[in-house]
Amino acid sequence: MESEQILLKTLGHLGIPALNAMQETAMPAIQNLPNVILLAPTGSGKTLAFLLPVLSLLKADTPGVQCLILSPTRELAVQIERVWQKMSTGFKVNTCYGGHSMQIETQNLSQPPALLIGTPGRIQEHINRGTFALDGIKILILDEFDKSFP
C-alpha cells in the first residue's frame, strides 16, 4: 500500500496521470529480476520506466552511491537528473560529465548521492581517482547502452 501511495505521489509531481503499459511491465521486472533490458522508441517513457523501480529499491539508511546510471551524452545525463529531481524523491542525485567542473563534481561526491548519473568517460575518471566508493552500488543502468561504448 505504501509503495502505491509513493508511486501516485511521484506521478503527481511529474504531472502524469498513470503509467503506460511499458512502464507498468518494467516496474515489477526491474524490482524482481537481476537483469532487464528495456527496448522502446524514443519518447516512450523509458527514463521513468527505470527511475520508478530505482526509487523503490533505494534505501534511505544506506550511505553512498547505491545506483549508477551511465549515459552516452551529457544532455541525456542532465535530462535523467531533471526527471529524478521532478520526482521529488528526497534522495540526493549528482551528475558527472565532460565539460563540467571536475572540482565541483569531486566536492559533490565527497557526500555521495544515492543516485549517480554520468557519461562513461567521466565516471571512469572518478573511479580512477577514487572519488566515490563502488562497493555500495547495487543497481547499474546503461541508458542507450548501444551508444555508450565504442
C-alpha atoms as a PDB file:
ATOM      1  CA  MET A   1       0.000   0.000   0.000  1.00  0.00           C
ATOM      2  CA  GLU A   2       2.755   2.430   0.934  1.00  0.00           C
ATOM      3  CA  SER A   3       4.618   1.887  -2.355  1.00  0.00           C
ATOM      4  CA  GLU A   4       1.413   2.578  -4.297  1.00  0.00           C
ATOM      5  CA  GLN A   5       0.981   5.878  -2.427  1.00  0.00           C
ATOM      6  CA  ILE A   6       4.598   6.816  -3.188  1.00  0.00           C
ATOM      7  CA  LEU A   7       4.022   5.968  -6.847  1.00  0.00           C
ATOM      8  CA  LEU A   8       0.880   8.125  -7.038  1.00  0.00           C
ATOM      9  CA  LYS A   9       2.628  10.997  -5.263  1.00  0.00           C
ATOM     10  CA  THR A  10       5.607  10.746  -7.616  1.00  0.00           C
ATOM     11  CA  LEU A  11       3.380  10.676 -10.694  1.00  0.00           C
ATOM     12  CA  GLY A  12       1.613  13.742  -9.309  1.00  0.00           C
ATOM     13  CA  HIS A  13       4.945  15.590  -9.031  1.00  0.00           C
ATOM     14  CA  LEU A  14       5.563  14.746 -12.673  1.00  0.00           C
ATOM     15  CA  GLY A  15       2.046  15.674 -13.808  1.00  0.00           C
ATOM     16  CA  ILE A  16       1.457  12.166 -15.163  1.00  0.00           C
ATOM     17  CA  PRO A  17      -1.984  10.619 -14.511  1.00  0.00           C
ATOM     18  CA  ALA A  18      -0.941   6.976 -14.999  1.00  0.00           C
ATOM     19  CA  LEU A  19       1.846   4.717 -16.179  1.00  0.00           C
ATOM     20  CA  ASN A  20       1.817   3.443 -19.740  1.00  0.00           C
ATOM     21  CA  ALA A  21       1.875  -0.294 -20.496  1.00  0.00           C
ATOM     22  CA  MET A  22       5.664  -0.471 -20.922  1.00  0.00           C
ATOM     23  CA  GLN A  23       6.245   1.319 -17.592  1.00  0.00           C
ATOM     24  CA  GLU A  24       3.783  -0.951 -15.789  1.00  0.00           C
ATOM     25  CA  THR A  25       5.534  -4.026 -17.160  1.00  0.00           C
ATOM     26  CA  ALA A  26       9.012  -2.670 -16.385  1.00  0.00           C
ATOM     27  CA  MET A  27       8.308  -1.909 -12.704  1.00  0.00           C
ATOM     28  CA  PRO A  28       7.970  -5.484 -11.378  1.00  0.00           C
ATOM     29  CA  ALA A  29      10.576  -6.822 -13.807  1.00  0.00           C
ATOM     30  CA  ILE A  30      13.243  -4.372 -12.626  1.00  0.00           C
ATOM     31  CA  GLN A  31      12.311  -4.871  -8.982  1.00  0.00           C
ATOM     32  CA  ASN A  32      12.440  -8.677  -9.161  1.00  0.00           C
ATOM     33  CA  LEU A  33      14.899  -9.722 -11.871  1.00  0.00           C
ATOM     34  CA  PRO A  34      18.678  -9.309 -11.822  1.00  0.00           C
ATOM     35  CA  ASN A  35      18.955  -8.183 -15.463  1.00  0.00           C
ATOM     36  CA  VAL A  36      16.355  -6.325 -17.503  1.00  0.00           C
ATOM     37  CA  ILE A  37      16.564  -4.778 -20.968  1.00  0.00           C
ATOM     38  CA  LEU A  38      14.001  -2.163 -21.973  1.00  0.00           C
ATOM     39  CA  LEU A  39      13.603  -1.726 -25.725  1.00  0.00           C
ATOM     40  CA  ALA A  40      11.242   1.041 -26.705  1.00  0.00           C
ATOM     41  CA  PRO A  41      11.268   4.019 -29.065  1.00  0.00           C
ATOM     42  CA  THR A  42      12.418   7.484 -28.071  1.00  0.00           C
ATOM     43  CA  GLY A  43       9.699   9.352 -26.201  1.00  0.00           C
ATOM     44  CA  SER A  44       8.056   6.213 -24.858  1.00  0.00           C
ATOM     45  CA  GLY A  45       8.842   6.892 -21.202  1.00  0.00           C
ATOM     46  CA  LYS A  46      11.842   4.593 -20.688  1.00  0.00           C
ATOM     47  CA  THR A  47      13.519   7.039 -18.290  1.00  0.00           C
ATOM     48  CA  LEU A  48      10.559   6.935 -15.925  1.00  0.00           C
ATOM     49  CA  ALA A  49      10.250   3.184 -16.502  1.00  0.00           C
ATOM     50  CA  PHE A  50      13.659   2.647 -14.920  1.00  0.00           C
ATOM     51  CA  LEU A  51      13.661   5.520 -12.414  1.00  0.00           C
ATOM     52  CA  LEU A  52      10.457   4.457 -10.638  1.00  0.00           C
ATOM     53  CA  PRO A  53      11.759   0.990  -9.710  1.00  0.00           C
ATOM     54  CA  VAL A  54      15.097   2.538  -8.724  1.00  0.00           C
ATOM     55  CA  LEU A  55      13.197   4.731  -6.268  1.00  0.00           C
ATOM     56  CA  SER A  56      11.598   1.653  -4.712  1.00  0.00           C
ATOM     57  CA  LEU A  57      14.982  -0.109  -4.432  1.00  0.00           C
ATOM     58  CA  LEU A  58      16.985   2.719  -2.801  1.00  0.00           C
ATOM     59  CA  LYS A  59      17.386   2.588   0.959  1.00  0.00           C
ATOM     60  CA  ALA A  60      17.312   5.854   2.911  1.00  0.00           C
ATOM     61  CA  ASP A  61      19.508   4.443   5.683  1.00  0.00           C
ATOM     62  CA  THR A  62      22.280   3.290   3.314  1.00  0.00           C
ATOM     63  CA  PRO A  63      25.090   5.784   2.730  1.00  0.00           C
ATOM     64  CA  GLY A  64      26.948   6.136  -0.544  1.00  0.00           C
ATOM     65  CA  VAL A  65      26.127   5.567  -4.174  1.00  0.00           C
ATOM     66  CA  GLN A  66      23.504   2.831  -4.500  1.00  0.00           C
ATOM     67  CA  CYS A  67      22.635   3.283  -8.174  1.00  0.00           C
ATOM     68  CA  LEU A  68      24.880   4.264 -11.081  1.00  0.00           C
ATOM     69  CA  ILE A  69      23.350   5.312 -14.390  1.00  0.00           C
ATOM     70  CA  LEU A  70      25.654   5.565 -17.395  1.00  0.00           C
ATOM     71  CA  SER A  71      24.505   7.748 -20.256  1.00  0.00           C
ATOM     72  CA  PRO A  72      26.229   8.257 -23.619  1.00  0.00           C
ATOM     73  CA  THR A  73      25.806  12.049 -23.595  1.00  0.00           C
ATOM     74  CA  ARG A  74      25.764  14.846 -21.057  1.00  0.00           C
ATOM     75  CA  GLU A  75      22.425  16.037 -22.454  1.00  0.00           C
ATOM     76  CA  LEU A  76      20.798  12.705 -21.676  1.00  0.00           C
ATOM     77  CA  ALA A  77      22.502  12.567 -18.259  1.00  0.00           C
ATOM     78  CA  VAL A  78      21.119  16.008 -17.393  1.00  0.00           C
ATOM     79  CA  GLN A  79      17.672  15.012 -18.702  1.00  0.00           C
ATOM     80  CA  ILE A  80      17.636  11.953 -16.420  1.00  0.00           C
ATOM     81  CA  GLU A  81      18.723  14.119 -13.485  1.00  0.00           C
ATOM     82  CA  ARG A  82      15.898  16.594 -14.167  1.00  0.00           C
ATOM     83  CA  VAL A  83      13.291  13.817 -14.218  1.00  0.00           C
ATOM     84  CA  TRP A  84      14.673  12.488 -10.907  1.00  0.00           C
ATOM     85  CA  GLN A  85      14.541  15.974  -9.368  1.00  0.00           C
ATOM     86  CA  LYS A  86      10.948  16.485 -10.538  1.00  0.00           C
ATOM     87  CA  MET A  87      10.057  13.187  -8.873  1.00  0.00           C
ATOM     88  CA  SER A  88      10.911  14.847  -5.507  1.00  0.00           C
ATOM     89  CA  THR A  89      12.256  11.604  -4.064  1.00  0.00           C
ATOM     90  CA  GLY A  90      14.296  13.017  -1.186  1.00  0.00           C
ATOM     91  CA  PHE A  91      17.336  11.064  -2.433  1.00  0.00           C
ATOM     92  CA  LYS A  92      20.403  13.038  -3.440  1.00  0.00           C
ATOM     93  CA  VAL A  93      21.497  12.868  -7.084  1.00  0.00           C
ATOM     94  CA  ASN A  94      24.656  14.060  -8.823  1.00  0.00           C
ATOM     95  CA  THR A  95      25.527  14.158 -12.497  1.00  0.00           C
ATOM     96  CA  CYS A  96      29.086  13.921 -13.834  1.00  0.00           C
ATOM     97  CA  TYR A  97      30.116  14.575 -17.441  1.00  0.00           C
ATOM     98  CA  GLY A  98      32.877  16.098 -19.521  1.00  0.00           C
ATOM     99  CA  GLY A  99      32.787  19.870 -19.783  1.00  0.00           C
ATOM    100  CA  HIS A 100      31.591  20.095 -16.175  1.00  0.00           C
ATOM    101  CA  SER A 101      33.964  21.192 -13.422  1.00  0.00           C
ATOM    102  CA  MET A 102      35.814  18.164 -12.042  1.00  0.00           C
ATOM    103  CA  GLN A 103      36.458  20.122  -8.846  1.00  0.00           C
ATOM    104  CA  ILE A 104      32.735  20.742  -8.286  1.00  0.00           C
ATOM    105  CA  GLU A 105      31.921  17.111  -9.078  1.00  0.00           C
ATOM    106  CA  THR A 106      34.577  15.878  -6.660  1.00  0.00           C
ATOM    107  CA  GLN A 107      33.261  18.215  -3.968  1.00  0.00           C
ATOM    108  CA  ASN A 108      29.692  16.992  -4.582  1.00  0.00           C
ATOM    109  CA  LEU A 109      30.845  13.376  -4.373  1.00  0.00           C
ATOM    110  CA  SER A 110      32.520  13.974  -1.005  1.00  0.00           C
ATOM    111  CA  GLN A 111      28.988  13.484   0.342  1.00  0.00           C
ATOM    112  CA  PRO A 112      27.942  10.775  -2.097  1.00  0.00           C
ATOM    113  CA  PRO A 113      24.470  10.725  -3.605  1.00  0.00           C
ATOM    114  CA  ALA A 114      22.230   7.668  -3.603  1.00  0.00           C
ATOM    115  CA  LEU A 115      21.925   8.103  -7.383  1.00  0.00           C
ATOM    116  CA  LEU A 116      24.906   8.975  -9.578  1.00  0.00           C
ATOM    117  CA  ILE A 117      24.416   9.698 -13.270  1.00  0.00           C
ATOM    118  CA  GLY A 118      27.240  10.245 -15.698  1.00  0.00           C
ATOM    119  CA  THR A 119      28.925   9.679 -19.010  1.00  0.00           C
ATOM    120  CA  PRO A 120      31.227   6.652 -19.196  1.00  0.00           C
ATOM    121  CA  GLY A 121      34.442   8.633 -19.626  1.00  0.00           C
ATOM    122  CA  ARG A 122      33.801  10.976 -16.711  1.00  0.00           C
ATOM    123  CA  ILE A 123      32.642   8.184 -14.414  1.00  0.00           C
ATOM    124  CA  GLN A 124      35.799   6.229 -15.331  1.00  0.00           C
ATOM    125  CA  GLU A 125      37.860   9.289 -14.403  1.00  0.00           C
ATOM    126  CA  HIS A 126      36.174   9.452 -10.994  1.00  0.00           C
ATOM    127  CA  ILE A 127      36.696   5.716 -10.481  1.00  0.00           C
ATOM    128  CA  ASN A 128      40.399   6.086 -11.337  1.00  0.00           C
ATOM    129  CA  ARG A 129      40.698   8.945  -8.825  1.00  0.00           C
ATOM    130  CA  GLY A 130      38.775   7.037  -6.160  1.00  0.00           C
ATOM    131  CA  THR A 131      36.298   9.897  -5.824  1.00  0.00           C
ATOM    132  CA  PHE A 132      33.449   7.623  -4.766  1.00  0.00           C
ATOM    133  CA  ALA A 133      33.138   4.074  -3.464  1.00  0.00           C
ATOM    134  CA  LEU A 134      31.884   1.357  -5.780  1.00  0.00           C
ATOM    135  CA  ASP A 135      31.062  -1.207  -3.091  1.00  0.00           C
ATOM    136  CA  GLY A 136      27.597   0.203  -2.302  1.00  0.00           C
ATOM    137  CA  ILE A 137      26.353   0.143  -5.890  1.00  0.00           C
ATOM    138  CA  LYS A 138      23.588  -2.430  -6.196  1.00  0.00           C
ATOM    139  CA  ILE A 139      21.937  -1.080  -9.358  1.00  0.00           C
ATOM    140  CA  LEU A 140      23.641  -0.331 -12.677  1.00  0.00           C
ATOM    141  CA  ILE A 141      21.676   1.177 -15.545  1.00  0.00           C
ATOM    142  CA  LEU A 142      23.160   1.548 -19.010  1.00  0.00           C
ATOM    143  CA  ASP A 143      20.876   4.037 -20.727  1.00  0.00           C
ATOM    144  CA  GLU A 144      21.120   3.881 -24.518  1.00  0.00           C
ATOM    145  CA  PHE A 145      23.985   1.441 -23.933  1.00  0.00           C
ATOM    146  CA  ASP A 146      24.380   0.860 -27.664  1.00  0.00           C
ATOM    147  CA  LYS A 147      25.603   4.480 -27.941  1.00  0.00           C
ATOM    148  CA  SER A 148      27.704   4.488 -24.759  1.00  0.00           C
ATOM    149  CA  PHE A 149      30.599   2.268 -25.727  1.00  0.00           C
ATOM    150  CA  PRO A 150      32.677   2.084 -28.929  1.00  0.00           C
END
